[in-house]
Amino acid sequence: MRVLSGIQPSGKLHIGNYFGAMRQHLQLQAENDCFYFIADYHALTGNPDPEKLAQNIIDVALDYLALGLDPEKTVFWRQSDVPEITELTWIFSCITPMGLLQRCTSYKDKIAQGLSANHGLFAYPVLQAADILAFHSNLVPVGADQKQHIEVTRDIAGYFNNAYGEILTLPEAHIVESVAVVPGIDGRKMSKSYGNTIEIFESENSMKKKVMRIVTDSTPVEEPKNPEKCNVFAMLKLVAPDDELKQWEDKYRKGGTGYGDVKKRLAELLVEYFQPYRAKREELQNNLDYVNEVLEKGAERAEKIAKQTFDEVRKAVGL
């Protein structure tokens, strides 16, 4: 199966990115034909500072490679290094009904968060469709909140195929429901736009301090607690061994355990989990020539396939 996904270089990657998407990406590369890209064109919708954007792109590459992306198995590149994507976006824009985009909830959510109402943000799903359809992707691993955009991609592919012939492959969303949404320290979905994240590679002391700030209810220590409604327990499920998790669940329901004790253990487990990856990232940080070479070779491989799709699409529409 061909698997494709992208991640925006819009800030430091956090554990919500990892457990909600990146870990799936890395697991899928073992038995699939994987294409993963750094979505720098998508990041422009937030009008980022140019220097910060350039650094964020490198940081995303470092993070993925440190966490286990294998460039021998997986095509990994910068979105902006494959110009066929933006050309496809214009062609798809010309067959995409306005109503389809107006129904997308992501645009409304981001406007509510204070992002400027620019055309790029509104037309984001069309660019995303080009990213996916250019490579005849079968599966697109996404968070539950992105499922609508995959449906939009399928709609756009359907409009095109109905008009010009069966050229584009309709993708399917790949979602692991149990980890699709990771709570932030304030209880909302972990997101850079909310400022509630725990970064994957921030300092250990900073990670521990943030864990201790996770919002909980006011249930007294001696009272039983519902683990299924606790943000700390939700994160604990991501890193604790099954037998230890069962012990914590029993302690919650029995009473007598304070949230502070659970937070301390969660902080320890998070530090332990990411420690080997932290060492690998430091090694890569000292070899940026290798990182850039990976991205350049990935772009060459990606463009070869995207160009084949683009040539078919151009011919079909009469260009």
C-alpha atoms as a PDB file:
ATOM      1  CA  MET A   1       0.000   0.000   0.000  1.00  0.00           C
ATOM      2  CA  ARG A   2       1.186   3.522  -0.735  1.00  0.00           C
ATOM      3  CA  VAL A   3       0.983   5.686   2.401  1.00  0.00           C
ATOM      4  CA  LEU A   4       1.336   9.474   2.364  1.00  0.00           C
ATOM      5  CA  SER A   5       1.254  12.149   5.019  1.00  0.00           C
ATOM      6  CA  GLY A   6       2.758  15.536   5.747  1.00  0.00           C
ATOM      7  CA  ILE A   7       3.471  17.599   8.803  1.00  0.00           C
ATOM      8  CA  GLN A   8       3.644  21.380   9.041  1.00  0.00           C
ATOM      9  CA  PRO A   9       6.866  23.043  10.193  1.00  0.00           C
ATOM     10  CA  SER A  10       4.907  25.539  12.270  1.00  0.00           C
ATOM     11  CA  GLY A  11       6.788  25.121  15.545  1.00  0.00           C
ATOM     12  CA  LYS A  12       8.411  22.570  17.799  1.00  0.00           C
ATOM     13  CA  LEU A  13       6.865  19.115  17.418  1.00  0.00           C
ATOM     14  CA  HIS A  14       5.141  17.820  20.536  1.00  0.00           C
ATOM     15  CA  ILE A  15       4.073  14.503  21.982  1.00  0.00           C
ATOM     16  CA  GLY A  16       0.597  14.998  20.511  1.00  0.00           C
ATOM     17  CA  ASN A  17       2.209  15.039  17.049  1.00  0.00           C
ATOM     18  CA  TYR A  18       4.170  11.918  17.922  1.00  0.00           C
ATOM     19  CA  PHE A  19       1.500   9.726  19.488  1.00  0.00           C
ATOM     20  CA  GLY A  20      -1.286  11.079  17.282  1.00  0.00           C
ATOM     21  CA  ALA A  21       0.499  10.723  13.939  1.00  0.00           C
ATOM     22  CA  MET A  22       4.274  10.355  13.788  1.00  0.00           C
ATOM     23  CA  ARG A  23       4.468   7.002  15.567  1.00  0.00           C
ATOM     24  CA  GLN A  24       1.924   5.621  13.091  1.00  0.00           C
ATOM     25  CA  HIS A  25       4.027   6.941  10.212  1.00  0.00           C
ATOM     26  CA  LEU A  26       7.132   5.209  11.519  1.00  0.00           C
ATOM     27  CA  GLN A  27       5.323   1.922  12.119  1.00  0.00           C
ATOM     28  CA  LEU A  28       3.775   1.938   8.652  1.00  0.00           C
ATOM     29  CA  GLN A  29       7.107   2.284   6.862  1.00  0.00           C
ATOM     30  CA  ALA A  30       8.045  -1.310   7.741  1.00  0.00           C
ATOM     31  CA  GLU A  31       5.503  -2.901   5.394  1.00  0.00           C
ATOM     32  CA  ASN A  32       4.309  -0.111   3.097  1.00  0.00           C
ATOM     33  CA  ASP A  33       5.485   2.228   0.354  1.00  0.00           C
ATOM     34  CA  CYS A  34       5.656   5.430   2.411  1.00  0.00           C
ATOM     35  CA  PHE A  35       5.854   9.057   1.283  1.00  0.00           C
ATOM     36  CA  TYR A  36       6.229  11.662   4.045  1.00  0.00           C
ATOM     37  CA  PHE A  37       6.834  15.353   3.462  1.00  0.00           C
ATOM     38  CA  ILE A  38       7.465  18.558   5.371  1.00  0.00           C
ATOM     39  CA  ALA A  39       4.476  20.757   4.486  1.00  0.00           C
ATOM     40  CA  ASP A  40       6.211  24.124   4.219  1.00  0.00           C
ATOM     41  CA  TYR A  41       3.682  25.548   1.711  1.00  0.00           C
ATOM     42  CA  HIS A  42       0.907  24.754   4.186  1.00  0.00           C
ATOM     43  CA  ALA A  43       2.854  26.530   6.929  1.00  0.00           C
ATOM     44  CA  LEU A  44       2.737  29.767   4.909  1.00  0.00           C
ATOM     45  CA  THR A  45      -0.981  30.125   5.702  1.00  0.00           C
ATOM     46  CA  GLY A  46       0.076  31.333   9.152  1.00  0.00           C
ATOM     47  CA  ASN A  47       2.426  34.012   7.699  1.00  0.00           C
ATOM     48  CA  PRO A  48       5.481  32.758   9.636  1.00  0.00           C
ATOM     49  CA  ASP A  49       8.716  34.641  10.128  1.00  0.00           C
ATOM     50  CA  PRO A  50      11.028  33.482   7.276  1.00  0.00           C
ATOM     51  CA  GLU A  51      13.974  32.664   9.527  1.00  0.00           C
ATOM     52  CA  LYS A  52      11.787  30.733  11.939  1.00  0.00           C
ATOM     53  CA  LEU A  53      10.190  28.807   9.080  1.00  0.00           C
ATOM     54  CA  ALA A  54      13.588  27.810   7.702  1.00  0.00           C
ATOM     55  CA  GLN A  55      14.681  26.596  11.144  1.00  0.00           C
ATOM     56  CA  ASN A  56      11.383  24.780  11.740  1.00  0.00           C
ATOM     57  CA  ILE A  57      11.822  22.863   8.476  1.00  0.00           C
ATOM     58  CA  ILE A  58      15.216  21.585   9.598  1.00  0.00           C
ATOM     59  CA  ASP A  59      13.851  20.812  13.069  1.00  0.00           C
ATOM     60  CA  VAL A  60      11.052  18.657  11.625  1.00  0.00           C
ATOM     61  CA  ALA A  61      13.570  16.766   9.498  1.00  0.00           C
ATOM     62  CA  LEU A  62      15.801  16.219  12.528  1.00  0.00           C
ATOM     63  CA  ASP A  63      12.866  15.041  14.630  1.00  0.00           C
ATOM     64  CA  TYR A  64      11.597  12.526  12.086  1.00  0.00           C
ATOM     65  CA  LEU A  65      15.040  11.063  11.412  1.00  0.00           C
ATOM     66  CA  ALA A  66      15.833  10.902  15.132  1.00  0.00           C
ATOM     67  CA  LEU A  67      12.552   9.134  15.863  1.00  0.00           C
ATOM     68  CA  GLY A  68      13.266   6.407  13.328  1.00  0.00           C
ATOM     69  CA  LEU A  69      12.339   7.469   9.805  1.00  0.00           C
ATOM     70  CA  ASP A  70      14.404   5.354   7.419  1.00  0.00           C
ATOM     71  CA  PRO A  71      15.208   7.276   4.195  1.00  0.00           C
ATOM     72  CA  GLU A  72      16.128   3.991   2.496  1.00  0.00           C
ATOM     73  CA  LYS A  73      12.546   2.758   2.941  1.00  0.00           C
ATOM     74  CA  THR A  74      10.628   6.037   2.983  1.00  0.00           C
ATOM     75  CA  VAL A  75      10.561   8.967   0.558  1.00  0.00           C
ATOM     76  CA  PHE A  76      11.047  12.086   2.713  1.00  0.00           C
ATOM     77  CA  TRP A  77      11.160  15.604   1.277  1.00  0.00           C
ATOM     78  CA  ARG A  78      10.236  19.284   1.515  1.00  0.00           C
ATOM     79  CA  GLN A  79       6.877  20.007  -0.118  1.00  0.00           C
ATOM     80  CA  SER A  80       8.217  23.126  -1.856  1.00  0.00           C
ATOM     81  CA  ASP A  81      10.891  21.081  -3.647  1.00  0.00           C
ATOM     82  CA  VAL A  82       8.230  19.437  -5.863  1.00  0.00           C
ATOM     83  CA  PRO A  83       6.723  22.268  -7.979  1.00  0.00           C
ATOM     84  CA  GLU A  84       4.174  19.989  -9.659  1.00  0.00           C
ATOM     85  CA  ILE A  85       2.148  20.068  -6.426  1.00  0.00           C
ATOM     86  CA  THR A  86       1.251  23.755  -6.690  1.00  0.00           C
ATOM     87  CA  GLU A  87       0.445  23.413 -10.391  1.00  0.00           C
ATOM     88  CA  LEU A  88      -1.898  20.530  -9.639  1.00  0.00           C
ATOM     89  CA  THR A  89      -3.478  22.670  -6.920  1.00  0.00           C
ATOM     90  CA  TRP A  90      -4.556  25.260  -9.486  1.00  0.00           C
ATOM     91  CA  ILE A  91      -6.087  22.645 -11.789  1.00  0.00           C
ATOM     92  CA  PHE A  92      -7.956  21.066  -8.877  1.00  0.00           C
ATOM     93  CA  SER A  93      -9.072  24.519  -7.701  1.00  0.00           C
ATOM     94  CA  CYS A  94     -10.853  24.976 -11.002  1.00  0.00           C
ATOM     95  CA  ILE A  95     -13.085  21.924 -10.421  1.00  0.00           C
ATOM     96  CA  THR A  96     -13.622  22.325  -6.662  1.00  0.00           C
ATOM     97  CA  PRO A  97     -17.028  23.783  -5.700  1.00  0.00           C
ATOM     98  CA  MET A  98     -16.890  26.693  -3.249  1.00  0.00           C
ATOM     99  CA  GLY A  99     -19.521  24.984  -1.125  1.00  0.00           C
ATOM    100  CA  LEU A 100     -17.207  22.049  -0.526  1.00  0.00           C
ATOM    101  CA  LEU A 101     -14.573  24.333   0.994  1.00  0.00           C
ATOM    102  CA  GLN A 102     -17.102  26.413   2.915  1.00  0.00           C
ATOM    103  CA  ARG A 103     -18.219  23.292   4.759  1.00  0.00           C
ATOM    104  CA  CYS A 104     -14.718  22.531   6.055  1.00  0.00           C
ATOM    105  CA  THR A 105     -14.671  22.986   9.814  1.00  0.00           C
ATOM    106  CA  SER A 106     -10.878  23.338  10.068  1.00  0.00           C
ATOM    107  CA  TYR A 107     -10.953  26.783   8.423  1.00  0.00           C
ATOM    108  CA  LYS A 108     -13.602  28.018  10.844  1.00  0.00           C
ATOM    109  CA  ASP A 109     -11.705  26.608  13.815  1.00  0.00           C
ATOM    110  CA  LYS A 110      -8.463  28.329  12.829  1.00  0.00           C
ATOM    111  CA  ILE A 111     -10.180  31.648  12.256  1.00  0.00           C
ATOM    112  CA  ALA A 112     -11.704  31.314  15.720  1.00  0.00           C
ATOM    113  CA  GLN A 113      -8.175  30.782  17.079  1.00  0.00           C
ATOM    114  CA  GLY A 114      -7.088  34.135  15.623  1.00  0.00           C
ATOM    115  CA  LEU A 115      -5.438  33.176  12.330  1.00  0.00           C
ATOM    116  CA  SER A 116      -5.878  35.663   9.483  1.00  0.00           C
ATOM    117  CA  ALA A 117      -8.624  34.793   6.995  1.00  0.00           C
ATOM    118  CA  ASN A 118      -6.377  34.487   3.951  1.00  0.00           C
ATOM    119  CA  HIS A 119      -7.156  32.573   0.775  1.00  0.00           C
ATOM    120  CA  GLY A 120      -4.414  30.027   1.415  1.00  0.00           C
ATOM    121  CA  LEU A 121      -6.015  29.037   4.703  1.00  0.00           C
ATOM    122  CA  PHE A 122      -9.422  28.746   3.038  1.00  0.00           C
ATOM    123  CA  ALA A 123      -8.086  26.735   0.068  1.00  0.00           C
ATOM    124  CA  TYR A 124      -5.828  24.557   2.246  1.00  0.00           C
ATOM    125  CA  PRO A 125      -7.837  21.373   1.458  1.00  0.00           C
ATOM    126  CA  VAL A 126      -7.177  21.777  -2.286  1.00  0.00           C
ATOM    127  CA  LEU A 127      -3.411  21.931  -1.760  1.00  0.00           C
ATOM    128  CA  GLN A 128      -3.745  18.964   0.568  1.00  0.00           C
ATOM    129  CA  ALA A 129      -5.647  17.095  -2.142  1.00  0.00           C
ATOM    130  CA  ALA A 130      -2.821  17.781  -4.598  1.00  0.00           C
ATOM    131  CA  ASP A 131      -0.293  16.459  -2.065  1.00  0.00           C
ATOM    132  CA  ILE A 132      -2.220  13.214  -1.772  1.00  0.00           C
ATOM    133  CA  LEU A 133      -3.424  12.668  -5.327  1.00  0.00           C
ATOM    134  CA  ALA A 134      -0.088  13.421  -6.986  1.00  0.00           C
ATOM    135  CA  PHE A 135       1.294  10.181  -5.584  1.00  0.00           C
ATOM    136  CA  HIS A 136      -1.742   7.905  -6.061  1.00  0.00           C
ATOM    137  CA  SER A 137      -1.822   7.436  -2.294  1.00  0.00           C
ATOM    138  CA  ASN A 138      -3.909   4.597  -0.895  1.00  0.00           C
ATOM    139  CA  LEU A 139      -3.759   5.440   2.815  1.00  0.00           C
ATOM    140  CA  VAL A 140      -3.372   8.793   4.565  1.00  0.00           C
ATOM    141  CA  PRO A 141      -2.667   8.554   8.315  1.00  0.00           C
ATOM    142  CA  VAL A 142      -4.348  11.527   9.980  1.00  0.00           C
ATOM    143  CA  GLY A 143      -5.810  12.609  13.280  1.00  0.00           C
ATOM    144  CA  ALA A 144      -9.562  12.273  13.683  1.00  0.00           C
ATOM    145  CA  ASP A 145      -9.959  16.036  13.191  1.00  0.00           C
ATOM    146  CA  GLN A 146      -8.410  15.779   9.706  1.00  0.00           C
ATOM    147  CA  LYS A 147     -10.707  13.033   8.437  1.00  0.00           C
ATOM    148  CA  GLN A 148     -12.964  15.603   6.733  1.00  0.00           C
ATOM    149  CA  HIS A 149     -10.064  16.799   4.570  1.00  0.00           C
ATOM    150  CA  ILE A 150      -9.506  13.265   3.272  1.00  0.00           C
ATOM    151  CA  GLU A 151     -13.182  13.144   2.375  1.00  0.00           C
ATOM    152  CA  VAL A 152     -12.726  16.448   0.527  1.00  0.00           C
ATOM    153  CA  THR A 153      -9.743  14.952  -1.320  1.00  0.00           C
ATOM    154  CA  ARG A 154     -11.882  12.008  -2.378  1.00  0.00           C
ATOM    155  CA  ASP A 155     -14.588  14.415  -3.572  1.00  0.00           C
ATOM    156  CA  ILE A 156     -12.075  16.409  -5.625  1.00  0.00           C
ATOM    157  CA  ALA A 157     -10.659  13.230  -7.147  1.00  0.00           C
ATOM    158  CA  GLY A 158     -14.199  12.121  -7.955  1.00  0.00           C
ATOM    159  CA  TYR A 159     -15.038  15.419  -9.675  1.00  0.00           C
ATOM    160  CA  PHE A 160     -11.869  15.171 -11.740  1.00  0.00           C
ATOM    161  CA  ASN A 161     -12.314  11.525 -12.689  1.00  0.00           C
ATOM    162  CA  ASN A 162     -15.948  12.071 -13.658  1.00  0.00           C
ATOM    163  CA  ALA A 163     -14.935  14.926 -15.926  1.00  0.00           C
ATOM    164  CA  TYR A 164     -11.728  13.592 -17.442  1.00  0.00           C
ATOM    165  CA  GLY A 165     -11.531   9.829 -16.881  1.00  0.00           C
ATOM    166  CA  GLU A 166     -10.295   7.503 -14.163  1.00  0.00           C
ATOM    167  CA  ILE A 167      -6.859   9.014 -13.610  1.00  0.00           C
ATOM    168  CA  LEU A 168      -6.677   9.742  -9.874  1.00  0.00           C
ATOM    169  CA  THR A 169      -6.639   7.235  -7.006  1.00  0.00           C
ATOM    170  CA  LEU A 170      -9.181   7.794  -4.217  1.00  0.00           C
ATOM    171  CA  PRO A 171      -7.384   7.571  -0.842  1.00  0.00           C
ATOM    172  CA  GLU A 172      -8.622   6.245   2.482  1.00  0.00           C
ATOM    173  CA  ALA A 173      -8.020   7.862   5.882  1.00  0.00           C
ATOM    174  CA  HIS A 174      -6.009   5.735   8.307  1.00  0.00           C
ATOM    175  CA  ILE A 175      -6.874   6.581  11.914  1.00  0.00           C
ATOM    176  CA  VAL A 176      -5.943   4.777  15.129  1.00  0.00           C
ATOM    177  CA  GLU A 177      -8.832   5.937  17.271  1.00  0.00           C
ATOM    178  CA  SER A 178      -7.238   5.169  20.628  1.00  0.00           C
ATOM    179  CA  VAL A 179      -4.438   7.711  20.128  1.00  0.00           C
ATOM    180  CA  ALA A 180      -5.921  10.017  17.504  1.00  0.00           C
ATOM    181  CA  VAL A 181      -6.280  12.915  19.983  1.00  0.00           C
ATOM    182  CA  VAL A 182      -3.753  13.577  22.766  1.00  0.00           C
ATOM    183  CA  PRO A 183      -4.808  16.043  25.488  1.00  0.00           C
ATOM    184  CA  GLY A 184      -2.722  19.120  26.187  1.00  0.00           C
ATOM    185  CA  ILE A 185      -1.759  20.337  29.631  1.00  0.00           C
ATOM    186  CA  ASP A 186      -4.964  22.416  29.739  1.00  0.00           C
ATOM    187  CA  GLY A 187      -7.232  19.484  28.816  1.00  0.00           C
ATOM    188  CA  ARG A 188      -7.937  20.587  25.252  1.00  0.00           C
ATOM    189  CA  LYS A 189      -6.400  18.801  22.271  1.00  0.00           C
ATOM    190  CA  MET A 190      -2.636  19.273  22.367  1.00  0.00           C
ATOM    191  CA  SER A 191      -1.870  21.943  19.776  1.00  0.00           C
ATOM    192  CA  LYS A 192       0.786  24.587  19.167  1.00  0.00           C
ATOM    193  CA  SER A 193      -1.995  27.088  18.525  1.00  0.00           C
ATOM    194  CA  TYR A 194      -3.331  26.542  22.061  1.00  0.00           C
ATOM    195  CA  GLY A 195       0.087  26.853  23.702  1.00  0.00           C
ATOM    196  CA  ASN A 196      -0.605  23.700  25.710  1.00  0.00           C
ATOM    197  CA  THR A 197       2.071  21.366  24.365  1.00  0.00           C
ATOM    198  CA  ILE A 198       4.811  19.176  25.762  1.00  0.00           C
ATOM    199  CA  GLU A 199       7.563  19.186  23.151  1.00  0.00           C
ATOM    200  CA  ILE A 200       9.208  15.919  22.189  1.00  0.00           C
ATOM    201  CA  PHE A 201      12.748  17.212  22.554  1.00  0.00           C
ATOM    202  CA  GLU A 202      12.497  20.013  25.091  1.00  0.00           C
ATOM    203  CA  SER A 203      14.746  19.775  28.137  1.00  0.00           C
ATOM    204  CA  GLU A 204      13.941  17.118  30.688  1.00  0.00           C
ATOM    205  CA  ASN A 205      13.374  19.707  33.436  1.00  0.00           C
ATOM    206  CA  SER A 206      10.979  21.674  31.246  1.00  0.00           C
ATOM    207  CA  MET A 207       9.098  18.495  30.314  1.00  0.00           C
ATOM    208  CA  LYS A 208       8.701  17.569  33.988  1.00  0.00           C
ATOM    209  CA  LYS A 209       7.467  21.058  34.929  1.00  0.00           C
ATOM    210  CA  LYS A 210       4.836  20.989  32.179  1.00  0.00           C
ATOM    211  CA  VAL A 211       3.590  17.561  33.262  1.00  0.00           C
ATOM    212  CA  MET A 212       3.095  18.892  36.788  1.00  0.00           C
ATOM    213  CA  ARG A 213       0.887  21.677  35.330  1.00  0.00           C
ATOM    214  CA  ILE A 214      -1.563  19.284  33.640  1.00  0.00           C
ATOM    215  CA  VAL A 215      -5.112  20.298  34.559  1.00  0.00           C
ATOM    216  CA  THR A 216      -7.030  17.878  36.802  1.00  0.00           C
ATOM    217  CA  ASP A 217     -10.274  18.065  38.737  1.00  0.00           C
ATOM    218  CA  SER A 218     -10.525  18.873  42.451  1.00  0.00           C
ATOM    219  CA  THR A 219     -11.344  15.381  43.741  1.00  0.00           C
ATOM    220  CA  PRO A 220      -9.700  14.943  47.183  1.00  0.00           C
ATOM    221  CA  VAL A 221      -6.813  12.485  47.504  1.00  0.00           C
ATOM    222  CA  GLU A 222      -8.800   9.995  49.559  1.00  0.00           C
ATOM    223  CA  GLU A 223     -11.753   9.866  47.126  1.00  0.00           C
ATOM    224  CA  PRO A 224     -12.051   7.410  44.181  1.00  0.00           C
ATOM    225  CA  LYS A 225     -11.347   8.937  40.765  1.00  0.00           C
ATOM    226  CA  ASN A 226     -12.450   8.111  37.233  1.00  0.00           C
ATOM    227  CA  PRO A 227      -9.334   7.374  35.165  1.00  0.00           C
ATOM    228  CA  GLU A 228     -11.264   7.684  31.903  1.00  0.00           C
ATOM    229  CA  LYS A 229     -11.937  11.370  32.603  1.00  0.00           C
ATOM    230  CA  CYS A 230      -8.424  12.277  33.695  1.00  0.00           C
ATOM    231  CA  ASN A 231      -5.971  14.047  31.375  1.00  0.00           C
ATOM    232  CA  VAL A 232      -2.979  12.637  33.252  1.00  0.00           C
ATOM    233  CA  PHE A 233      -4.225   9.070  32.904  1.00  0.00           C
ATOM    234  CA  ALA A 234      -4.921   9.655  29.193  1.00  0.00           C
ATOM    235  CA  MET A 235      -1.234  10.507  28.723  1.00  0.00           C
ATOM    236  CA  LEU A 236      -0.146   7.679  31.010  1.00  0.00           C
ATOM    237  CA  LYS A 237      -1.842   5.236  28.640  1.00  0.00           C
ATOM    238  CA  LEU A 238       0.575   6.324  25.915  1.00  0.00           C
ATOM    239  CA  VAL A 239       3.790   5.365  27.722  1.00  0.00           C
ATOM    240  CA  ALA A 240       3.071   3.063  30.683  1.00  0.00           C
ATOM    241  CA  PRO A 241       3.410  -0.734  30.362  1.00  0.00           C
ATOM    242  CA  ASP A 242       0.057  -2.538  30.472  1.00  0.00           C
ATOM    243  CA  ASP A 243       0.629  -4.078  33.894  1.00  0.00           C
ATOM    244  CA  GLU A 244       1.630  -0.738  35.441  1.00  0.00           C
ATOM    245  CA  LEU A 245      -1.292   1.007  33.773  1.00  0.00           C
ATOM    246  CA  LYS A 246      -3.668  -1.532  35.326  1.00  0.00           C
ATOM    247  CA  GLN A 247      -2.146  -0.819  38.753  1.00  0.00           C
ATOM    248  CA  TRP A 248      -2.704   2.922  38.339  1.00  0.00           C
ATOM    249  CA  GLU A 249      -6.274   2.333  37.181  1.00  0.00           C
ATOM    250  CA  ASP A 250      -6.966   0.276  40.314  1.00  0.00           C
ATOM    251  CA  LYS A 251      -5.452   3.030  42.498  1.00  0.00           C
ATOM    252  CA  TYR A 252      -7.668   5.633  40.833  1.00  0.00           C
ATOM    253  CA  ARG A 253     -10.844   3.667  41.448  1.00  0.00           C
ATOM    254  CA  LYS A 254      -9.900   2.705  45.011  1.00  0.00           C
ATOM    255  CA  GLY A 255      -9.004   6.217  46.169  1.00  0.00           C
ATOM    256  CA  GLY A 256      -6.067   7.351  48.269  1.00  0.00           C
ATOM    257  CA  THR A 257      -3.881   8.380  45.336  1.00  0.00           C
ATOM    258  CA  GLY A 258      -3.192  12.023  44.533  1.00  0.00           C
ATOM    259  CA  TYR A 259      -2.824  13.386  41.039  1.00  0.00           C
ATOM    260  CA  GLY A 260       0.645  14.677  41.947  1.00  0.00           C
ATOM    261  CA  ASP A 261       1.948  11.114  42.351  1.00  0.00           C
ATOM    262  CA  VAL A 262       0.593  10.143  38.934  1.00  0.00           C
ATOM    263  CA  LYS A 263       2.112  13.234  37.327  1.00  0.00           C
ATOM    264  CA  LYS A 264       5.555  12.467  38.763  1.00  0.00           C
ATOM    265  CA  ARG A 265       5.437   8.966  37.325  1.00  0.00           C
ATOM    266  CA  LEU A 266       4.165  10.232  33.973  1.00  0.00           C
ATOM    267  CA  ALA A 267       7.088  12.676  33.781  1.00  0.00           C
ATOM    268  CA  GLU A 268       9.564   9.866  34.486  1.00  0.00           C
ATOM    269  CA  LEU A 269       8.049   7.654  31.803  1.00  0.00           C
ATOM    270  CA  LEU A 270       8.040  10.416  29.178  1.00  0.00           C
ATOM    271  CA  VAL A 271      11.697  11.226  29.818  1.00  0.00           C
ATOM    272  CA  GLU A 272      12.609   7.519  29.629  1.00  0.00           C
ATOM    273  CA  TYR A 273      10.582   6.990  26.454  1.00  0.00           C
ATOM    274  CA  PHE A 274      12.237   9.763  24.448  1.00  0.00           C
ATOM    275  CA  GLN A 275      15.775   9.484  25.888  1.00  0.00           C
ATOM    276  CA  PRO A 276      17.211   7.253  23.096  1.00  0.00           C
ATOM    277  CA  TYR A 277      15.695   9.502  20.423  1.00  0.00           C
ATOM    278  CA  ARG A 278      17.146  12.573  22.131  1.00  0.00           C
ATOM    279  CA  ALA A 279      20.650  11.136  21.791  1.00  0.00           C
ATOM    280  CA  LYS A 280      20.080  10.346  18.107  1.00  0.00           C
ATOM    281  CA  ARG A 281      18.839  13.877  17.441  1.00  0.00           C
ATOM    282  CA  GLU A 282      21.943  15.403  18.997  1.00  0.00           C
ATOM    283  CA  GLU A 283      24.049  13.232  16.679  1.00  0.00           C
ATOM    284  CA  LEU A 284      22.083  14.380  13.616  1.00  0.00           C
ATOM    285  CA  GLN A 285      22.275  18.012  14.711  1.00  0.00           C
ATOM    286  CA  ASN A 286      26.021  17.751  14.208  1.00  0.00           C
ATOM    287  CA  ASN A 287      25.598  16.359  10.682  1.00  0.00           C
ATOM    288  CA  LEU A 288      23.191  18.707   8.904  1.00  0.00           C
ATOM    289  CA  ASP A 289      24.789  17.958   5.536  1.00  0.00           C
ATOM    290  CA  TYR A 290      23.392  14.442   5.824  1.00  0.00           C
ATOM    291  CA  VAL A 291      19.943  15.760   6.761  1.00  0.00           C
ATOM    292  CA  ASN A 292      19.838  18.078   3.746  1.00  0.00           C
ATOM    293  CA  GLU A 293      21.048  15.279   1.486  1.00  0.00           C
ATOM    294  CA  VAL A 294      18.164  13.078   2.667  1.00  0.00           C
ATOM    295  CA  LEU A 295      15.662  15.803   1.804  1.00  0.00           C
ATOM    296  CA  GLU A 296      17.211  16.477  -1.606  1.00  0.00           C
ATOM    297  CA  LYS A 297      17.254  12.811  -2.603  1.00  0.00           C
ATOM    298  CA  GLY A 298      13.715  12.411  -1.321  1.00  0.00           C
ATOM    299  CA  ALA A 299      12.567  15.345  -3.445  1.00  0.00           C
ATOM    300  CA  GLU A 300      14.111  13.779  -6.545  1.00  0.00           C
ATOM    301  CA  ARG A 301      12.237  10.527  -5.944  1.00  0.00           C
ATOM    302  CA  ALA A 302       8.985  12.317  -5.126  1.00  0.00           C
ATOM    303  CA  GLU A 303       9.124  14.620  -8.154  1.00  0.00           C
ATOM    304  CA  LYS A 304       9.609  11.719 -10.537  1.00  0.00           C
ATOM    305  CA  ILE A 305       6.255  10.257  -9.472  1.00  0.00           C
ATOM    306  CA  ALA A 306       4.431  13.587  -9.135  1.00  0.00           C
ATOM    307  CA  LYS A 307       5.503  14.564 -12.653  1.00  0.00           C
ATOM    308  CA  GLN A 308       3.977  11.394 -14.097  1.00  0.00           C
ATOM    309  CA  THR A 309       0.641  12.240 -12.478  1.00  0.00           C
ATOM    310  CA  PHE A 310       0.911  15.883 -13.495  1.00  0.00           C
ATOM    311  CA  ASP A 311       1.587  14.998 -17.136  1.00  0.00           C
ATOM    312  CA  GLU A 312      -1.503  12.770 -17.188  1.00  0.00           C
ATOM    313  CA  VAL A 313      -3.628  15.487 -15.613  1.00  0.00           C
ATOM    314  CA  ARG A 314      -2.361  18.195 -17.986  1.00  0.00           C
ATOM    315  CA  LYS A 315      -3.074  16.022 -20.996  1.00  0.00           C
ATOM    316  CA  ALA A 316      -6.528  15.133 -19.699  1.00  0.00           C
ATOM    317  CA  VAL A 317      -7.588  18.776 -19.268  1.00  0.00           C
ATOM    318  CA  GLY A 318      -6.187  19.801 -22.661  1.00  0.00           C
ATOM    319  CA  LEU A 319      -2.979  21.607 -21.661  1.00  0.00           C
END
